Amino acid sequence: MSLFDTIQNYKPKNQQEEYDKEQMLQFMKCNKNFLERENQIAHFTASMWTVNKERTKTLMVHHNRYNSWSWIGGHADGMENLCSVAMKELQEETGVKQAKLVSE
């Protein structure tokens, strides 16, 4: 299923999510490069919380540029499967190779 279809099929939980959904769909319709960081208006990214099996600890990364700690994530760079983007970023930013998604 395409990212557009995934977002279109999403059932918003509140008014804010409904607004955000419509904004994303409209943006995708009007911007063919919505997955590219070269789009100076906006573009899609993916991120994830990474936790241990017991869900008692989380893995974070330190961003030198902002001097702050953050969850793992990055730019889609043309990849439409945002779960794959998040997993790729996990491996690139932390070296973790054995991980599974709890949910999409």
C-alpha atoms as a PDB file:
ATOM      1  CA  MET A   1       0.000   0.000   0.000  1.00  0.00           C
ATOM      2  CA  SER A   2       1.312   3.448  -0.868  1.00  0.00           C
ATOM      3  CA  LEU A   3       2.017   6.047   1.798  1.00  0.00           C
ATOM      4  CA  PHE A   4      -0.816   8.163   0.360  1.00  0.00           C
ATOM      5  CA  ASP A   5      -3.245   5.228   0.707  1.00  0.00           C
ATOM      6  CA  THR A   6      -2.013   4.458   4.218  1.00  0.00           C
ATOM      7  CA  ILE A   7      -2.650   8.036   5.332  1.00  0.00           C
ATOM      8  CA  GLN A   8      -5.973   8.193   3.469  1.00  0.00           C
ATOM      9  CA  ASN A   9      -7.155   4.996   5.215  1.00  0.00           C
ATOM     10  CA  TYR A  10      -6.067   6.199   8.667  1.00  0.00           C
ATOM     11  CA  LYS A  11      -8.949   6.790  11.094  1.00  0.00           C
ATOM     12  CA  PRO A  12      -8.186   9.981  13.048  1.00  0.00           C
ATOM     13  CA  LYS A  13      -8.654   9.824  16.799  1.00  0.00           C
ATOM     14  CA  ASN A  14      -9.464  13.511  17.230  1.00  0.00           C
ATOM     15  CA  GLN A  15      -9.988  16.793  15.403  1.00  0.00           C
ATOM     16  CA  GLN A  16      -6.267  17.629  15.316  1.00  0.00           C
ATOM     17  CA  GLU A  17      -5.423  14.311  13.650  1.00  0.00           C
ATOM     18  CA  GLU A  18      -8.207  14.866  11.107  1.00  0.00           C
ATOM     19  CA  TYR A  19      -6.748  18.276  10.248  1.00  0.00           C
ATOM     20  CA  ASP A  20      -3.186  16.895  10.042  1.00  0.00           C
ATOM     21  CA  LYS A  21      -4.322  14.025   7.824  1.00  0.00           C
ATOM     22  CA  GLU A  22      -6.004  16.379   5.357  1.00  0.00           C
ATOM     23  CA  GLN A  23      -2.967  18.671   5.317  1.00  0.00           C
ATOM     24  CA  MET A  24      -0.632  15.749   4.548  1.00  0.00           C
ATOM     25  CA  LEU A  25      -2.858  14.392   1.771  1.00  0.00           C
ATOM     26  CA  GLN A  26      -3.198  17.821   0.170  1.00  0.00           C
ATOM     27  CA  PHE A  27       0.553  18.401   0.394  1.00  0.00           C
ATOM     28  CA  MET A  28       1.250  15.030  -1.230  1.00  0.00           C
ATOM     29  CA  LYS A  29      -1.175  15.800  -4.076  1.00  0.00           C
ATOM     30  CA  CYS A  30       0.513  19.136  -4.785  1.00  0.00           C
ATOM     31  CA  ASN A  31       4.168  18.122  -4.297  1.00  0.00           C
ATOM     32  CA  LYS A  32       5.556  15.098  -6.098  1.00  0.00           C
ATOM     33  CA  ASN A  33       8.818  15.411  -4.134  1.00  0.00           C
ATOM     34  CA  PHE A  34       7.178  15.108  -0.708  1.00  0.00           C
ATOM     35  CA  LEU A  35       9.719  12.416   0.248  1.00  0.00           C
ATOM     36  CA  GLU A  36      12.778  14.493  -0.638  1.00  0.00           C
ATOM     37  CA  ARG A  37      14.562  16.845   1.736  1.00  0.00           C
ATOM     38  CA  GLU A  38      15.191  19.134  -1.243  1.00  0.00           C
ATOM     39  CA  ASN A  39      11.538  20.192  -0.869  1.00  0.00           C
ATOM     40  CA  GLN A  40      12.116  23.389   1.121  1.00  0.00           C
ATOM     41  CA  ILE A  41       8.478  23.696   2.241  1.00  0.00           C
ATOM     42  CA  ALA A  42       8.156  20.309   3.949  1.00  0.00           C
ATOM     43  CA  HIS A  43       8.995  16.634   3.517  1.00  0.00           C
ATOM     44  CA  PHE A  44       8.348  13.359   5.290  1.00  0.00           C
ATOM     45  CA  THR A  45      10.604  11.949   7.964  1.00  0.00           C
ATOM     46  CA  ALA A  46      10.338   8.898  10.199  1.00  0.00           C
ATOM     47  CA  SER A  47      11.240   8.335  13.815  1.00  0.00           C
ATOM     48  CA  MET A  48      10.808   5.716  16.494  1.00  0.00           C
ATOM     49  CA  TRP A  49      11.062   5.075  20.184  1.00  0.00           C
ATOM     50  CA  THR A  50      13.480   2.208  20.754  1.00  0.00           C
ATOM     51  CA  VAL A  51      12.923   0.251  23.952  1.00  0.00           C
ATOM     52  CA  ASN A  52      14.205  -2.962  25.495  1.00  0.00           C
ATOM     53  CA  LYS A  53      11.961  -6.071  25.656  1.00  0.00           C
ATOM     54  CA  GLU A  54      10.803  -5.198  29.166  1.00  0.00           C
ATOM     55  CA  ARG A  55      10.051  -1.634  28.057  1.00  0.00           C
ATOM     56  CA  THR A  56      11.961  -0.270  31.029  1.00  0.00           C
ATOM     57  CA  LYS A  57      14.718   1.503  29.079  1.00  0.00           C
ATOM     58  CA  THR A  58      14.865   3.550  25.912  1.00  0.00           C
ATOM     59  CA  LEU A  59      17.704   4.183  23.502  1.00  0.00           C
ATOM     60  CA  MET A  60      18.334   7.790  22.542  1.00  0.00           C
ATOM     61  CA  VAL A  61      20.960   9.621  20.521  1.00  0.00           C
ATOM     62  CA  HIS A  62      22.792  12.840  21.246  1.00  0.00           C
ATOM     63  CA  HIS A  63      22.705  15.428  18.468  1.00  0.00           C
ATOM     64  CA  ASN A  64      25.846  17.542  18.592  1.00  0.00           C
ATOM     65  CA  ARG A  65      24.309  20.131  16.287  1.00  0.00           C
ATOM     66  CA  TYR A  66      21.543  20.922  18.799  1.00  0.00           C
ATOM     67  CA  ASN A  67      23.362  19.714  21.936  1.00  0.00           C
ATOM     68  CA  SER A  68      20.314  17.661  22.903  1.00  0.00           C
ATOM     69  CA  TRP A  69      19.130  14.078  23.298  1.00  0.00           C
ATOM     70  CA  SER A  70      16.503  12.706  20.943  1.00  0.00           C
ATOM     71  CA  TRP A  71      14.757   9.573  19.760  1.00  0.00           C
ATOM     72  CA  ILE A  72      16.017   7.901  16.563  1.00  0.00           C
ATOM     73  CA  GLY A  73      14.855   9.155  13.168  1.00  0.00           C
ATOM     74  CA  GLY A  74      15.671  10.880   9.934  1.00  0.00           C
ATOM     75  CA  HIS A  75      14.664  11.976   6.452  1.00  0.00           C
ATOM     76  CA  ALA A  76      12.790   9.672   4.075  1.00  0.00           C
ATOM     77  CA  ASP A  77      15.182  10.600   1.224  1.00  0.00           C
ATOM     78  CA  GLY A  78      12.831   9.144  -1.371  1.00  0.00           C
ATOM     79  CA  MET A  79      11.846   6.003   0.557  1.00  0.00           C
ATOM     80  CA  GLU A  80       8.064   5.665   0.766  1.00  0.00           C
ATOM     81  CA  ASN A  81       8.032   2.950   3.447  1.00  0.00           C
ATOM     82  CA  LEU A  82       8.507   5.048   6.573  1.00  0.00           C
ATOM     83  CA  CYS A  83       8.869   1.971   8.804  1.00  0.00           C
ATOM     84  CA  SER A  84      11.884   0.976   6.709  1.00  0.00           C
ATOM     85  CA  VAL A  85      13.226   4.521   7.002  1.00  0.00           C
ATOM     86  CA  ALA A  86      12.971   4.371  10.792  1.00  0.00           C
ATOM     87  CA  MET A  87      14.688   0.959  10.932  1.00  0.00           C
ATOM     88  CA  LYS A  88      17.460   2.201   8.614  1.00  0.00           C
ATOM     89  CA  GLU A  89      18.003   5.230  10.831  1.00  0.00           C
ATOM     90  CA  LEU A  90      18.146   2.992  13.926  1.00  0.00           C
ATOM     91  CA  GLN A  91      20.953   0.961  12.375  1.00  0.00           C
ATOM     92  CA  GLU A  92      22.828   3.993  11.024  1.00  0.00           C
ATOM     93  CA  GLU A  93      22.582   6.083  14.192  1.00  0.00           C
ATOM     94  CA  THR A  94      23.127   3.356  16.806  1.00  0.00           C
ATOM     95  CA  GLY A  95      24.497   0.225  15.128  1.00  0.00           C
ATOM     96  CA  VAL A  96      21.527  -1.830  16.393  1.00  0.00           C
ATOM     97  CA  LYS A  97      20.839  -4.543  13.817  1.00  0.00           C
ATOM     98  CA  GLN A  98      18.454  -6.878  15.664  1.00  0.00           C
ATOM     99  CA  ALA A  99      15.196  -4.999  16.247  1.00  0.00           C
ATOM    100  CA  LYS A 100      11.534  -5.488  15.460  1.00  0.00           C
ATOM    101  CA  LEU A 101       8.684  -3.050  15.237  1.00  0.00           C
ATOM    102  CA  VAL A 102       6.053  -3.300  17.944  1.00  0.00           C
ATOM    103  CA  SER A 103       3.617  -1.423  15.729  1.00  0.00           C
ATOM    104  CA  GLU A 104       3.610   0.524  12.491  1.00  0.00           C
END
